[in-house]
Amino acid sequence: MGKQFSLTTADQHTLGAYRAEPSGQPKGGLVVVQEIFGVNQHIRAVCDRLAAQGYVAVAPAVFDRFVRDFESGYTPDEVAHARSYLGNLNWDHMTADMAAAQADLKGVGPLGVIGFCMGGTAAFLAACRLPGLSASVAFYGGMIGKFADEKPKCPVQMHFGEKDEGIPMSVVDEIRQKQPQAEIHVYPGAPHGFACDERASYRKEASDLAWSRTYEFLAKNMK
């Protein structure tokens, strides 16, 4: 359904991206922000899923600044390899990459952002730092707590697994206190990565509920 192409950022960095288009008139556009595993099959499938819901979806390859065309699966070795790049992350660069994807979506209607894990944190930062967004959805953003004093410019929805080994419920409670306007959902018994059907941590019931809430949230705010 989608295509691979290139984006250029305001600081003249060129990065890869994946774009999926709906069959009819778009309801709007969504920047889709990857996990640490690159714009892999799962993230491309998310873009295709959103296109089927009527949104143009663009996923920028935010790892291209330090490793080109990186894609990973979810075996323990692959996860360890992907984690080795975490020290290279620069949130300002990632924000510039998201802005380039946002610019590519100009003209398709209201714009939003959705991200997973690392991308969930990035989606929250986009809500705070990028003007012109109508909605932000963050799935298990592990570092949102570190940025929870920032003020979003658009409505934000967050999804967390109760049994996420990397995001204690105490952090989620702190986010609730600092972001009282945010719509925050916790899924009982769900681990990290519960919405990815390619991972052992996938929990279908929690994923289906999170996605139905996501669609409702987008429909409400992206008008």
N, C-alpha and C. Protein backbone atom coordinates (compact mmCIF):
# COMPACT_ATOMS: atom_id res chain seq x y z
N MET A 1 0.83 -1.21 0.00
CA MET A 1 0.00 0.00 0.00
C MET A 1 0.86 1.25 0.00
N GLY A 2 2.04 1.19 0.64
CA GLY A 2 2.84 2.40 0.80
C GLY A 2 4.02 2.46 -0.13
N LYS A 3 4.80 3.53 0.02
CA LYS A 3 6.01 3.73 -0.81
C LYS A 3 7.14 4.22 0.06
N GLN A 4 8.35 3.89 -0.34
CA GLN A 4 9.56 4.41 0.30
C GLN A 4 9.97 5.68 -0.45
N PHE A 5 10.41 6.69 0.30
CA PHE A 5 10.86 7.93 -0.34
C PHE A 5 11.81 8.65 0.62
N SER A 6 12.22 9.86 0.27
CA SER A 6 13.17 10.61 1.11
C SER A 6 12.57 11.93 1.56
N LEU A 7 12.97 12.34 2.76
CA LEU A 7 12.62 13.64 3.31
C LEU A 7 13.89 14.44 3.51
N THR A 8 13.78 15.77 3.50
CA THR A 8 14.91 16.64 3.84
C THR A 8 14.48 17.57 4.96
N THR A 9 15.29 17.64 6.01
CA THR A 9 14.95 18.43 7.18
C THR A 9 15.42 19.87 7.02
N ALA A 10 15.01 20.71 7.97
CA ALA A 10 15.42 22.11 7.96
C ALA A 10 16.93 22.27 8.10
N ASP A 11 17.59 21.28 8.74
CA ASP A 11 19.05 21.36 8.85
C ASP A 11 19.76 20.58 7.74
N GLN A 12 19.01 20.34 6.64
CA GLN A 12 19.56 19.75 5.41
C GLN A 12 20.01 18.30 5.56
N HIS A 13 19.44 17.59 6.50
CA HIS A 13 19.66 16.15 6.61
C HIS A 13 18.64 15.44 5.73
N THR A 14 19.09 14.45 4.98
CA THR A 14 18.18 13.65 4.15
C THR A 14 17.97 12.29 4.82
N LEU A 15 16.72 11.90 4.96
CA LEU A 15 16.41 10.64 5.61
C LEU A 15 15.35 9.90 4.84
N GLY A 16 15.33 8.58 5.01
CA GLY A 16 14.31 7.77 4.37
C GLY A 16 12.99 7.89 5.10
N ALA A 17 11.92 7.46 4.45
CA ALA A 17 10.59 7.48 5.06
C ALA A 17 9.68 6.52 4.30
N TYR A 18 8.58 6.17 4.94
CA TYR A 18 7.56 5.33 4.33
C TYR A 18 6.24 6.10 4.39
N ARG A 19 5.51 6.11 3.27
CA ARG A 19 4.24 6.85 3.21
C ARG A 19 3.14 5.94 2.69
N ALA A 20 2.03 5.90 3.41
CA ALA A 20 0.86 5.12 3.00
C ALA A 20 -0.31 6.07 2.79
N GLU A 21 -1.05 5.85 1.70
CA GLU A 21 -2.16 6.74 1.32
C GLU A 21 -3.50 6.01 1.45
N PRO A 22 -4.54 6.71 1.91
CA PRO A 22 -5.87 6.10 1.91
C PRO A 22 -6.42 6.00 0.49
N SER A 23 -7.44 5.17 0.31
CA SER A 23 -8.00 5.00 -1.04
C SER A 23 -8.87 6.18 -1.45
N GLY A 24 -9.48 6.85 -0.48
CA GLY A 24 -10.36 7.98 -0.79
C GLY A 24 -9.80 9.30 -0.30
N GLN A 25 -10.67 10.26 -0.14
CA GLN A 25 -10.28 11.57 0.37
C GLN A 25 -9.72 11.43 1.78
N PRO A 26 -8.51 11.98 2.05
CA PRO A 26 -7.92 11.80 3.39
C PRO A 26 -8.69 12.57 4.47
N LYS A 27 -8.73 11.97 5.66
CA LYS A 27 -9.26 12.66 6.84
C LYS A 27 -8.21 13.60 7.43
N GLY A 28 -6.96 13.38 7.07
CA GLY A 28 -5.85 14.14 7.63
C GLY A 28 -4.56 13.35 7.46
N GLY A 29 -3.51 13.80 8.12
CA GLY A 29 -2.22 13.15 8.01
C GLY A 29 -1.62 12.85 9.37
N LEU A 30 -0.89 11.75 9.46
CA LEU A 30 -0.25 11.34 10.71
C LEU A 30 1.22 11.04 10.50
N VAL A 31 2.06 11.64 11.34
CA VAL A 31 3.47 11.27 11.43
C VAL A 31 3.53 10.05 12.35
N VAL A 32 4.12 8.97 11.88
CA VAL A 32 4.23 7.73 12.66
C VAL A 32 5.69 7.57 13.08
N VAL A 33 5.93 7.52 14.39
CA VAL A 33 7.32 7.50 14.87
C VAL A 33 7.66 6.11 15.39
N GLN A 34 8.72 5.59 14.85
CA GLN A 34 9.18 4.23 15.08
C GLN A 34 9.60 3.93 16.52
N GLU A 35 9.72 2.65 16.81
CA GLU A 35 10.44 2.18 17.99
C GLU A 35 11.93 2.20 17.66
N ILE A 36 12.76 1.61 18.52
CA ILE A 36 14.20 1.57 18.23
C ILE A 36 14.53 0.57 17.12
N PHE A 37 13.50 -0.08 16.58
CA PHE A 37 13.73 -1.14 15.59
C PHE A 37 13.62 -0.65 14.15
N GLY A 38 13.59 0.66 13.98
CA GLY A 38 13.57 1.24 12.64
C GLY A 38 12.19 1.27 12.02
N VAL A 39 12.12 1.75 10.79
CA VAL A 39 10.86 1.72 10.04
C VAL A 39 10.75 0.30 9.46
N ASN A 40 10.44 -0.64 10.34
CA ASN A 40 10.43 -2.04 9.98
C ASN A 40 9.04 -2.47 9.53
N GLN A 41 8.86 -3.77 9.38
CA GLN A 41 7.58 -4.29 8.89
C GLN A 41 6.42 -3.85 9.78
N HIS A 42 6.64 -3.85 11.09
CA HIS A 42 5.58 -3.46 12.02
C HIS A 42 5.17 -1.99 11.82
N ILE A 43 6.15 -1.10 11.72
CA ILE A 43 5.83 0.32 11.56
C ILE A 43 5.19 0.59 10.21
N ARG A 44 5.65 -0.10 9.18
CA ARG A 44 5.00 0.04 7.87
C ARG A 44 3.55 -0.47 7.94
N ALA A 45 3.34 -1.55 8.70
CA ALA A 45 1.98 -2.08 8.86
C ALA A 45 1.09 -1.09 9.62
N VAL A 46 1.67 -0.38 10.59
CA VAL A 46 0.92 0.67 11.30
C VAL A 46 0.50 1.76 10.33
N CYS A 47 1.42 2.18 9.47
CA CYS A 47 1.08 3.20 8.46
C CYS A 47 -0.05 2.70 7.56
N ASP A 48 0.04 1.44 7.12
CA ASP A 48 -1.01 0.88 6.26
C ASP A 48 -2.34 0.81 7.00
N ARG A 49 -2.30 0.47 8.27
CA ARG A 49 -3.50 0.40 9.11
C ARG A 49 -4.16 1.78 9.19
N LEU A 50 -3.35 2.81 9.40
CA LEU A 50 -3.89 4.17 9.51
C LEU A 50 -4.42 4.66 8.17
N ALA A 51 -3.75 4.26 7.08
CA ALA A 51 -4.25 4.61 5.74
C ALA A 51 -5.61 3.97 5.50
N ALA A 52 -5.79 2.74 5.98
CA ALA A 52 -7.08 2.06 5.83
C ALA A 52 -8.18 2.78 6.61
N GLN A 53 -7.78 3.54 7.64
CA GLN A 53 -8.72 4.34 8.43
C GLN A 53 -8.96 5.72 7.82
N GLY A 54 -8.26 6.03 6.73
CA GLY A 54 -8.50 7.28 6.03
C GLY A 54 -7.44 8.35 6.19
N TYR A 55 -6.31 8.01 6.84
CA TYR A 55 -5.25 8.99 7.07
C TYR A 55 -4.04 8.73 6.18
N VAL A 56 -3.44 9.80 5.68
CA VAL A 56 -2.12 9.66 5.06
C VAL A 56 -1.11 9.51 6.20
N ALA A 57 -0.27 8.49 6.13
CA ALA A 57 0.67 8.21 7.22
C ALA A 57 2.10 8.22 6.70
N VAL A 58 2.97 8.97 7.38
CA VAL A 58 4.38 9.05 7.00
C VAL A 58 5.25 8.68 8.20
N ALA A 59 6.11 7.70 8.02
CA ALA A 59 7.02 7.26 9.08
C ALA A 59 8.45 7.65 8.69
N PRO A 60 9.04 8.66 9.35
CA PRO A 60 10.42 9.06 9.05
C PRO A 60 11.41 8.09 9.71
N ALA A 61 12.49 7.79 9.00
CA ALA A 61 13.53 6.89 9.53
C ALA A 61 14.49 7.71 10.40
N VAL A 62 14.12 7.85 11.67
CA VAL A 62 14.85 8.78 12.54
C VAL A 62 16.24 8.25 12.94
N PHE A 63 16.53 6.98 12.68
CA PHE A 63 17.88 6.46 12.94
C PHE A 63 18.84 6.78 11.80
N ASP A 64 18.31 7.32 10.68
CA ASP A 64 19.18 7.57 9.52
C ASP A 64 20.30 8.56 9.82
N ARG A 65 20.18 9.32 10.87
CA ARG A 65 21.25 10.27 11.21
C ARG A 65 22.53 9.56 11.64
N PHE A 66 22.41 8.31 12.11
CA PHE A 66 23.62 7.61 12.56
C PHE A 66 23.75 6.19 12.02
N VAL A 67 22.66 5.61 11.51
CA VAL A 67 22.77 4.30 10.84
C VAL A 67 21.68 4.25 9.77
N ARG A 68 22.09 4.17 8.53
CA ARG A 68 21.16 4.27 7.40
C ARG A 68 20.36 2.98 7.23
N ASP A 69 19.09 3.16 6.91
CA ASP A 69 18.22 2.04 6.50
C ASP A 69 18.16 0.93 7.54
N PHE A 70 18.23 1.30 8.82
CA PHE A 70 18.22 0.28 9.87
C PHE A 70 16.83 -0.30 10.06
N GLU A 71 16.76 -1.62 10.06
CA GLU A 71 15.52 -2.34 10.36
C GLU A 71 15.87 -3.53 11.23
N SER A 72 15.02 -3.83 12.18
CA SER A 72 15.30 -4.92 13.11
C SER A 72 14.03 -5.69 13.41
N GLY A 73 14.23 -6.98 13.72
CA GLY A 73 13.15 -7.79 14.27
C GLY A 73 13.22 -7.75 15.80
N TYR A 74 12.71 -8.81 16.44
CA TYR A 74 12.52 -8.76 17.89
C TYR A 74 13.14 -9.94 18.64
N THR A 75 14.10 -10.63 18.01
CA THR A 75 14.79 -11.67 18.76
C THR A 75 15.66 -10.99 19.83
N PRO A 76 16.06 -11.72 20.87
CA PRO A 76 16.91 -11.09 21.90
C PRO A 76 18.16 -10.44 21.34
N ASP A 77 18.81 -11.10 20.37
CA ASP A 77 20.02 -10.51 19.76
C ASP A 77 19.69 -9.24 19.00
N GLU A 78 18.58 -9.24 18.26
CA GLU A 78 18.19 -8.05 17.49
C GLU A 78 17.82 -6.90 18.43
N VAL A 79 17.12 -7.23 19.51
CA VAL A 79 16.77 -6.18 20.49
C VAL A 79 18.03 -5.57 21.10
N ALA A 80 18.99 -6.43 21.45
CA ALA A 80 20.25 -5.93 22.04
C ALA A 80 21.00 -5.05 21.05
N HIS A 81 21.01 -5.45 19.78
CA HIS A 81 21.68 -4.64 18.76
C HIS A 81 21.00 -3.29 18.60
N ALA A 82 19.67 -3.29 18.54
CA ALA A 82 18.92 -2.03 18.41
C ALA A 82 19.18 -1.12 19.61
N ARG A 83 19.22 -1.72 20.79
CA ARG A 83 19.47 -0.93 22.00
C ARG A 83 20.85 -0.25 21.98
N SER A 84 21.78 -0.84 21.25
CA SER A 84 23.14 -0.29 21.22
C SER A 84 23.17 1.11 20.60
N TYR A 85 22.11 1.47 19.88
CA TYR A 85 22.06 2.80 19.25
C TYR A 85 21.43 3.86 20.14
N LEU A 86 20.93 3.46 21.30
CA LEU A 86 20.20 4.42 22.14
C LEU A 86 21.07 5.61 22.54
N GLY A 87 22.37 5.39 22.69
CA GLY A 87 23.27 6.48 23.04
C GLY A 87 23.40 7.54 21.96
N ASN A 88 22.98 7.19 20.73
CA ASN A 88 23.06 8.14 19.61
C ASN A 88 21.86 9.07 19.52
N LEU A 89 20.83 8.79 20.33
CA LEU A 89 19.58 9.55 20.18
C LEU A 89 19.77 11.02 20.54
N ASN A 90 19.18 11.87 19.71
CA ASN A 90 19.19 13.31 19.94
C ASN A 90 17.76 13.78 19.70
N TRP A 91 17.09 14.21 20.75
CA TRP A 91 15.67 14.55 20.63
C TRP A 91 15.44 15.76 19.73
N ASP A 92 16.39 16.69 19.70
CA ASP A 92 16.25 17.84 18.80
C ASP A 92 16.30 17.40 17.35
N HIS A 93 17.23 16.48 17.04
CA HIS A 93 17.29 15.94 15.67
C HIS A 93 16.00 15.20 15.33
N MET A 94 15.51 14.42 16.28
CA MET A 94 14.28 13.67 16.02
C MET A 94 13.10 14.60 15.79
N THR A 95 13.08 15.70 16.54
CA THR A 95 12.01 16.69 16.34
C THR A 95 12.10 17.30 14.94
N ALA A 96 13.31 17.56 14.48
CA ALA A 96 13.50 18.08 13.11
C ALA A 96 13.03 17.06 12.07
N ASP A 97 13.31 15.79 12.33
CA ASP A 97 12.88 14.73 11.41
C ASP A 97 11.35 14.64 11.38
N MET A 98 10.72 14.75 12.55
CA MET A 98 9.26 14.73 12.60
C MET A 98 8.67 15.95 11.89
N ALA A 99 9.32 17.08 12.03
CA ALA A 99 8.85 18.31 11.36
C ALA A 99 8.90 18.15 9.84
N ALA A 100 9.93 17.45 9.35
CA ALA A 100 10.04 17.21 7.90
C ALA A 100 8.90 16.31 7.42
N ALA A 101 8.56 15.30 8.23
CA ALA A 101 7.43 14.44 7.88
C ALA A 101 6.12 15.22 7.93
N GLN A 102 6.00 16.08 8.92
CA GLN A 102 4.81 16.94 9.05
C GLN A 102 4.68 17.83 7.82
N ALA A 103 5.79 18.40 7.36
CA ALA A 103 5.76 19.27 6.18
C ALA A 103 5.35 18.48 4.93
N ASP A 104 5.79 17.22 4.85
CA ASP A 104 5.42 16.40 3.70
C ASP A 104 3.92 16.15 3.64
N LEU A 105 3.26 16.22 4.80
CA LEU A 105 1.82 15.96 4.88
C LEU A 105 0.97 17.22 4.66
N LYS A 106 1.62 18.33 4.46
CA LYS A 106 0.89 19.59 4.32
C LYS A 106 -0.14 19.50 3.19
N GLY A 107 -1.35 19.96 3.49
CA GLY A 107 -2.39 19.99 2.48
C GLY A 107 -3.35 18.82 2.50
N VAL A 108 -3.10 17.81 3.37
CA VAL A 108 -4.00 16.65 3.40
C VAL A 108 -5.09 16.79 4.46
N GLY A 109 -5.06 17.89 5.21
CA GLY A 109 -6.05 18.09 6.27
C GLY A 109 -5.37 18.24 7.62
N PRO A 110 -6.11 18.05 8.72
CA PRO A 110 -5.51 18.17 10.05
C PRO A 110 -4.38 17.16 10.22
N LEU A 111 -3.38 17.54 11.00
CA LEU A 111 -2.20 16.69 11.18
C LEU A 111 -2.04 16.25 12.63
N GLY A 112 -1.56 15.03 12.79
CA GLY A 112 -1.29 14.49 14.12
C GLY A 112 -0.03 13.66 14.11
N VAL A 113 0.28 13.08 15.26
CA VAL A 113 1.47 12.25 15.39
C VAL A 113 1.14 11.06 16.29
N ILE A 114 1.71 9.91 15.96
CA ILE A 114 1.53 8.71 16.78
C ILE A 114 2.86 7.98 16.84
N GLY A 115 3.25 7.54 18.04
CA GLY A 115 4.55 6.89 18.17
C GLY A 115 4.52 5.77 19.20
N PHE A 116 5.52 4.91 19.12
CA PHE A 116 5.59 3.70 19.92
C PHE A 116 6.94 3.61 20.63
N CYS A 117 6.91 3.33 21.93
CA CYS A 117 8.15 3.18 22.71
C CYS A 117 8.97 4.47 22.60
N MET A 118 10.18 4.42 22.07
CA MET A 118 10.95 5.64 21.84
C MET A 118 10.10 6.66 21.06
N GLY A 119 9.38 6.17 20.06
CA GLY A 119 8.52 7.04 19.27
C GLY A 119 7.35 7.60 20.05
N GLY A 120 6.93 6.90 21.11
CA GLY A 120 5.88 7.43 21.98
C GLY A 120 6.36 8.67 22.71
N THR A 121 7.61 8.60 23.21
CA THR A 121 8.20 9.80 23.82
C THR A 121 8.32 10.91 22.80
N ALA A 122 8.77 10.56 21.59
CA ALA A 122 8.91 11.56 20.53
C ALA A 122 7.56 12.19 20.17
N ALA A 123 6.50 11.38 20.17
CA ALA A 123 5.17 11.91 19.86
C ALA A 123 4.72 12.92 20.91
N PHE A 124 5.04 12.64 22.17
CA PHE A 124 4.73 13.62 23.22
C PHE A 124 5.54 14.90 23.02
N LEU A 125 6.83 14.75 22.71
CA LEU A 125 7.66 15.94 22.48
C LEU A 125 7.17 16.74 21.28
N ALA A 126 6.71 16.04 20.24
CA ALA A 126 6.16 16.74 19.07
C ALA A 126 4.96 17.59 19.49
N ALA A 127 4.11 17.03 20.36
CA ALA A 127 2.94 17.78 20.83
C ALA A 127 3.36 19.05 21.55
N CYS A 128 4.51 18.99 22.25
CA CYS A 128 4.98 20.14 23.02
C CYS A 128 5.78 21.13 22.17
N ARG A 129 6.49 20.63 21.17
CA ARG A 129 7.50 21.45 20.49
C ARG A 129 7.19 21.80 19.04
N LEU A 130 6.25 21.09 18.42
CA LEU A 130 5.94 21.37 17.00
C LEU A 130 4.57 22.04 16.90
N PRO A 131 4.50 23.23 16.32
CA PRO A 131 3.19 23.87 16.11
C PRO A 131 2.44 23.18 14.98
N GLY A 132 1.13 23.32 14.98
CA GLY A 132 0.32 22.87 13.86
C GLY A 132 -0.20 21.45 13.94
N LEU A 133 -0.05 20.80 15.10
CA LEU A 133 -0.59 19.46 15.26
C LEU A 133 -1.95 19.51 15.96
N SER A 134 -2.84 18.60 15.58
CA SER A 134 -4.18 18.55 16.18
C SER A 134 -4.33 17.45 17.21
N ALA A 135 -3.42 16.46 17.19
CA ALA A 135 -3.53 15.33 18.11
C ALA A 135 -2.19 14.61 18.21
N SER A 136 -1.94 14.01 19.38
CA SER A 136 -0.74 13.22 19.60
C SER A 136 -1.10 11.97 20.39
N VAL A 137 -0.66 10.81 19.89
CA VAL A 137 -0.93 9.53 20.56
C VAL A 137 0.40 8.85 20.86
N ALA A 138 0.61 8.50 22.13
CA ALA A 138 1.88 7.91 22.55
C ALA A 138 1.62 6.53 23.16
N PHE A 139 2.16 5.50 22.51
CA PHE A 139 2.12 4.15 23.05
C PHE A 139 3.39 3.89 23.84
N TYR A 140 3.24 3.55 25.11
CA TYR A 140 4.34 3.18 26.02
C TYR A 140 5.63 3.97 25.80
N GLY A 141 5.49 5.31 25.89
CA GLY A 141 6.66 6.19 25.75
C GLY A 141 7.46 6.20 27.04
N GLY A 142 8.60 5.53 27.03
CA GLY A 142 9.34 5.29 28.25
C GLY A 142 9.99 6.49 28.90
N MET A 143 10.20 7.57 28.12
CA MET A 143 10.87 8.73 28.68
C MET A 143 9.96 9.94 28.80
N ILE A 144 8.65 9.73 28.64
CA ILE A 144 7.71 10.85 28.78
C ILE A 144 7.83 11.47 30.17
N GLY A 145 8.07 10.63 31.17
CA GLY A 145 8.20 11.14 32.53
C GLY A 145 9.29 12.19 32.68
N LYS A 146 10.36 12.05 31.91
CA LYS A 146 11.48 13.01 31.99
C LYS A 146 11.10 14.37 31.39
N PHE A 147 10.10 14.37 30.51
CA PHE A 147 9.70 15.61 29.83
C PHE A 147 8.30 16.09 30.27
N ALA A 148 7.78 15.51 31.35
CA ALA A 148 6.37 15.73 31.72
C ALA A 148 6.08 17.15 32.19
N ASP A 149 7.12 17.96 32.41
CA ASP A 149 6.88 19.36 32.78
C ASP A 149 6.63 20.23 31.56
N GLU A 150 6.85 19.69 30.35
CA GLU A 150 6.60 20.47 29.14
C GLU A 150 5.09 20.54 28.87
N LYS A 151 4.69 21.54 28.11
CA LYS A 151 3.26 21.79 27.88
C LYS A 151 2.87 21.48 26.44
N PRO A 152 2.01 20.48 26.24
CA PRO A 152 1.57 20.16 24.89
C PRO A 152 0.72 21.29 24.29
N LYS A 153 0.84 21.44 22.96
CA LYS A 153 0.07 22.45 22.24
C LYS A 153 -1.20 21.83 21.63
N CYS A 154 -1.36 20.51 21.78
CA CYS A 154 -2.53 19.83 21.22
C CYS A 154 -2.97 18.73 22.17
N PRO A 155 -4.17 18.19 22.01
CA PRO A 155 -4.62 17.08 22.86
C PRO A 155 -3.68 15.87 22.75
N VAL A 156 -3.47 15.19 23.87
CA VAL A 156 -2.56 14.06 23.94
C VAL A 156 -3.27 12.86 24.54
N GLN A 157 -3.05 11.70 23.94
CA GLN A 157 -3.53 10.43 24.48
C GLN A 157 -2.33 9.51 24.69
N MET A 158 -2.30 8.80 25.82
CA MET A 158 -1.19 7.90 26.13
C MET A 158 -1.71 6.52 26.51
N HIS A 159 -0.94 5.50 26.12
CA HIS A 159 -1.28 4.11 26.43
C HIS A 159 -0.08 3.46 27.12
N PHE A 160 -0.33 2.85 28.28
CA PHE A 160 0.73 2.17 29.03
C PHE A 160 0.27 0.78 29.45
N GLY A 161 1.21 -0.17 29.48
CA GLY A 161 0.93 -1.49 30.01
C GLY A 161 1.22 -1.51 31.51
N GLU A 162 0.30 -2.09 32.26
CA GLU A 162 0.47 -2.13 33.71
C GLU A 162 1.74 -2.88 34.11
N LYS A 163 2.12 -3.89 33.33
CA LYS A 163 3.28 -4.72 33.66
C LYS A 163 4.50 -4.36 32.80
N ASP A 164 4.55 -3.13 32.31
CA ASP A 164 5.72 -2.68 31.53
C ASP A 164 6.93 -2.64 32.45
N GLU A 165 7.94 -3.47 32.13
CA GLU A 165 9.12 -3.56 32.99
C GLU A 165 9.96 -2.29 32.96
N GLY A 166 9.74 -1.43 31.95
CA GLY A 166 10.54 -0.22 31.84
C GLY A 166 9.85 1.05 32.27
N ILE A 167 8.54 0.97 32.50
CA ILE A 167 7.77 2.16 32.88
C ILE A 167 6.95 1.84 34.12
N PRO A 168 7.49 2.10 35.31
CA PRO A 168 6.76 1.80 36.55
C PRO A 168 5.46 2.62 36.63
N MET A 169 4.47 2.07 37.29
CA MET A 169 3.21 2.79 37.46
C MET A 169 3.40 4.10 38.24
N SER A 170 4.46 4.17 39.05
CA SER A 170 4.74 5.43 39.76
C SER A 170 5.05 6.55 38.77
N VAL A 171 5.71 6.20 37.66
CA VAL A 171 6.01 7.19 36.62
C VAL A 171 4.72 7.61 35.91
N VAL A 172 3.86 6.64 35.62
CA VAL A 172 2.57 6.96 34.99
C VAL A 172 1.75 7.88 35.90
N ASP A 173 1.77 7.60 37.20
CA ASP A 173 1.05 8.46 38.15
C ASP A 173 1.61 9.88 38.15
N GLU A 174 2.92 9.99 38.05
CA GLU A 174 3.56 11.31 37.99
C GLU A 174 3.15 12.05 36.72
N ILE A 175 3.09 11.32 35.61
CA ILE A 175 2.65 11.94 34.35
C ILE A 175 1.21 12.43 34.48
N ARG A 176 0.37 11.62 35.10
CA ARG A 176 -1.03 12.03 35.31
C ARG A 176 -1.12 13.34 36.09
N GLN A 177 -0.27 13.47 37.11
CA GLN A 177 -0.29 14.68 37.94
C GLN A 177 0.18 15.90 37.15
N LYS A 178 1.21 15.69 36.33
CA LYS A 178 1.79 16.82 35.59
C LYS A 178 1.05 17.13 34.29
N GLN A 179 0.30 16.15 33.79
CA GLN A 179 -0.44 16.32 32.53
C GLN A 179 -1.92 15.99 32.77
N PRO A 180 -2.60 16.77 33.63
CA PRO A 180 -3.98 16.42 33.98
C PRO A 180 -4.94 16.46 32.80
N GLN A 181 -4.58 17.20 31.76
CA GLN A 181 -5.46 17.31 30.60
C GLN A 181 -5.31 16.12 29.65
N ALA A 182 -4.26 15.32 29.82
CA ALA A 182 -4.00 14.21 28.91
C ALA A 182 -4.96 13.05 29.17
N GLU A 183 -5.30 12.34 28.12
CA GLU A 183 -6.11 11.12 28.22
C GLU A 183 -5.14 9.95 28.37
N ILE A 184 -5.10 9.35 29.54
CA ILE A 184 -4.11 8.31 29.83
C ILE A 184 -4.81 7.00 30.17
N HIS A 185 -4.42 5.94 29.46
CA HIS A 185 -5.01 4.62 29.66
C HIS A 185 -3.93 3.63 30.09
N VAL A 186 -4.26 2.81 31.08
CA VAL A 186 -3.37 1.73 31.53
C VAL A 186 -4.08 0.40 31.29
N TYR A 187 -3.35 -0.56 30.73
CA TYR A 187 -3.92 -1.85 30.35
C TYR A 187 -3.48 -2.93 31.33
N PRO A 188 -4.42 -3.46 32.14
CA PRO A 188 -4.08 -4.42 33.19
C PRO A 188 -3.34 -5.65 32.64
N GLY A 189 -2.24 -5.98 33.27
CA GLY A 189 -1.49 -7.17 32.90
C GLY A 189 -0.68 -7.06 31.63
N ALA A 190 -0.76 -5.94 30.92
CA ALA A 190 -0.08 -5.82 29.63
C ALA A 190 1.38 -5.41 29.82
N PRO A 191 2.31 -6.06 29.11
CA PRO A 191 3.72 -5.69 29.19
C PRO A 191 4.08 -4.62 28.16
N HIS A 192 5.35 -4.25 28.14
CA HIS A 192 5.83 -3.31 27.13
C HIS A 192 5.66 -3.92 25.74
N GLY A 193 5.31 -3.09 24.77
CA GLY A 193 5.17 -3.58 23.39
C GLY A 193 3.91 -4.37 23.14
N PHE A 194 2.89 -4.20 23.99
CA PHE A 194 1.69 -5.03 23.88
C PHE A 194 0.91 -4.83 22.59
N ALA A 195 1.14 -3.73 21.88
CA ALA A 195 0.38 -3.46 20.66
C ALA A 195 1.06 -3.96 19.40
N CYS A 196 2.23 -4.59 19.53
CA CYS A 196 2.96 -5.07 18.36
C CYS A 196 2.73 -6.56 18.19
N ASP A 197 2.02 -6.94 17.13
CA ASP A 197 1.65 -8.34 16.94
C ASP A 197 2.80 -9.21 16.45
N GLU A 198 3.99 -8.63 16.33
CA GLU A 198 5.16 -9.42 15.95
C GLU A 198 6.05 -9.75 17.15
N ARG A 199 5.63 -9.31 18.33
CA ARG A 199 6.43 -9.53 19.53
C ARG A 199 5.76 -10.51 20.48
N ALA A 200 6.57 -11.19 21.27
CA ALA A 200 6.03 -12.12 22.27
C ALA A 200 5.18 -11.39 23.30
N SER A 201 5.42 -10.09 23.46
CA SER A 201 4.68 -9.28 24.45
C SER A 201 3.31 -8.84 23.94
N TYR A 202 2.95 -9.22 22.71
CA TYR A 202 1.66 -8.82 22.14
C TYR A 202 0.50 -9.33 22.99
N ARG A 203 -0.44 -8.44 23.25
CA ARG A 203 -1.66 -8.79 23.95
C ARG A 203 -2.83 -8.28 23.12
N LYS A 204 -3.51 -9.19 22.43
CA LYS A 204 -4.51 -8.80 21.44
C LYS A 204 -5.64 -7.96 22.04
N GLU A 205 -6.15 -8.38 23.20
CA GLU A 205 -7.28 -7.64 23.78
C GLU A 205 -6.89 -6.20 24.12
N ALA A 206 -5.72 -6.04 24.75
CA ALA A 206 -5.25 -4.69 25.09
C ALA A 206 -4.96 -3.88 23.83
N SER A 207 -4.35 -4.52 22.84
CA SER A 207 -4.03 -3.82 21.59
C SER A 207 -5.29 -3.36 20.88
N ASP A 208 -6.28 -4.25 20.76
CA ASP A 208 -7.53 -3.88 20.09
C ASP A 208 -8.22 -2.71 20.80
N LEU A 209 -8.23 -2.74 22.12
CA LEU A 209 -8.85 -1.66 22.89
C LEU A 209 -8.08 -0.35 22.70
N ALA A 210 -6.75 -0.44 22.75
CA ALA A 210 -5.93 0.77 22.57
C ALA A 210 -6.15 1.38 21.19
N TRP A 211 -6.23 0.52 20.17
CA TRP A 211 -6.44 1.04 18.82
C TRP A 211 -7.83 1.65 18.67
N SER A 212 -8.84 1.02 19.27
CA SER A 212 -10.19 1.61 19.16
C SER A 212 -10.24 2.97 19.84
N ARG A 213 -9.55 3.09 20.97
CA ARG A 213 -9.47 4.39 21.65
C ARG A 213 -8.69 5.40 20.81
N THR A 214 -7.65 4.92 20.14
CA THR A 214 -6.86 5.80 19.28
C THR A 214 -7.70 6.35 18.14
N TYR A 215 -8.45 5.48 17.48
CA TYR A 215 -9.29 5.93 16.36
C TYR A 215 -10.33 6.96 16.84
N GLU A 216 -10.94 6.72 17.99
CA GLU A 216 -11.93 7.67 18.53
C GLU A 216 -11.28 9.02 18.83
N PHE A 217 -10.10 8.96 19.43
CA PHE A 217 -9.37 10.18 19.79
C PHE A 217 -9.01 10.99 18.54
N LEU A 218 -8.52 10.29 17.51
CA LEU A 218 -8.15 10.98 16.27
C LEU A 218 -9.38 11.59 15.61
N ALA A 219 -10.47 10.82 15.58
CA ALA A 219 -11.69 11.32 14.94
C ALA A 219 -12.22 12.55 15.65
N LYS A 220 -12.08 12.56 16.97
CA LYS A 220 -12.59 13.69 17.76
C LYS A 220 -11.76 14.96 17.57
N ASN A 221 -10.44 14.78 17.46
CA ASN A 221 -9.55 15.94 17.46
C ASN A 221 -9.03 16.37 16.09
N MET A 222 -9.10 15.48 15.12
CA MET A 222 -8.60 15.83 13.78
C MET A 222 -9.78 16.09 12.86
N LYS A 223 -10.39 17.26 13.04
CA LYS A 223 -11.55 17.65 12.24
C LYS A 223 -11.21 18.84 11.35
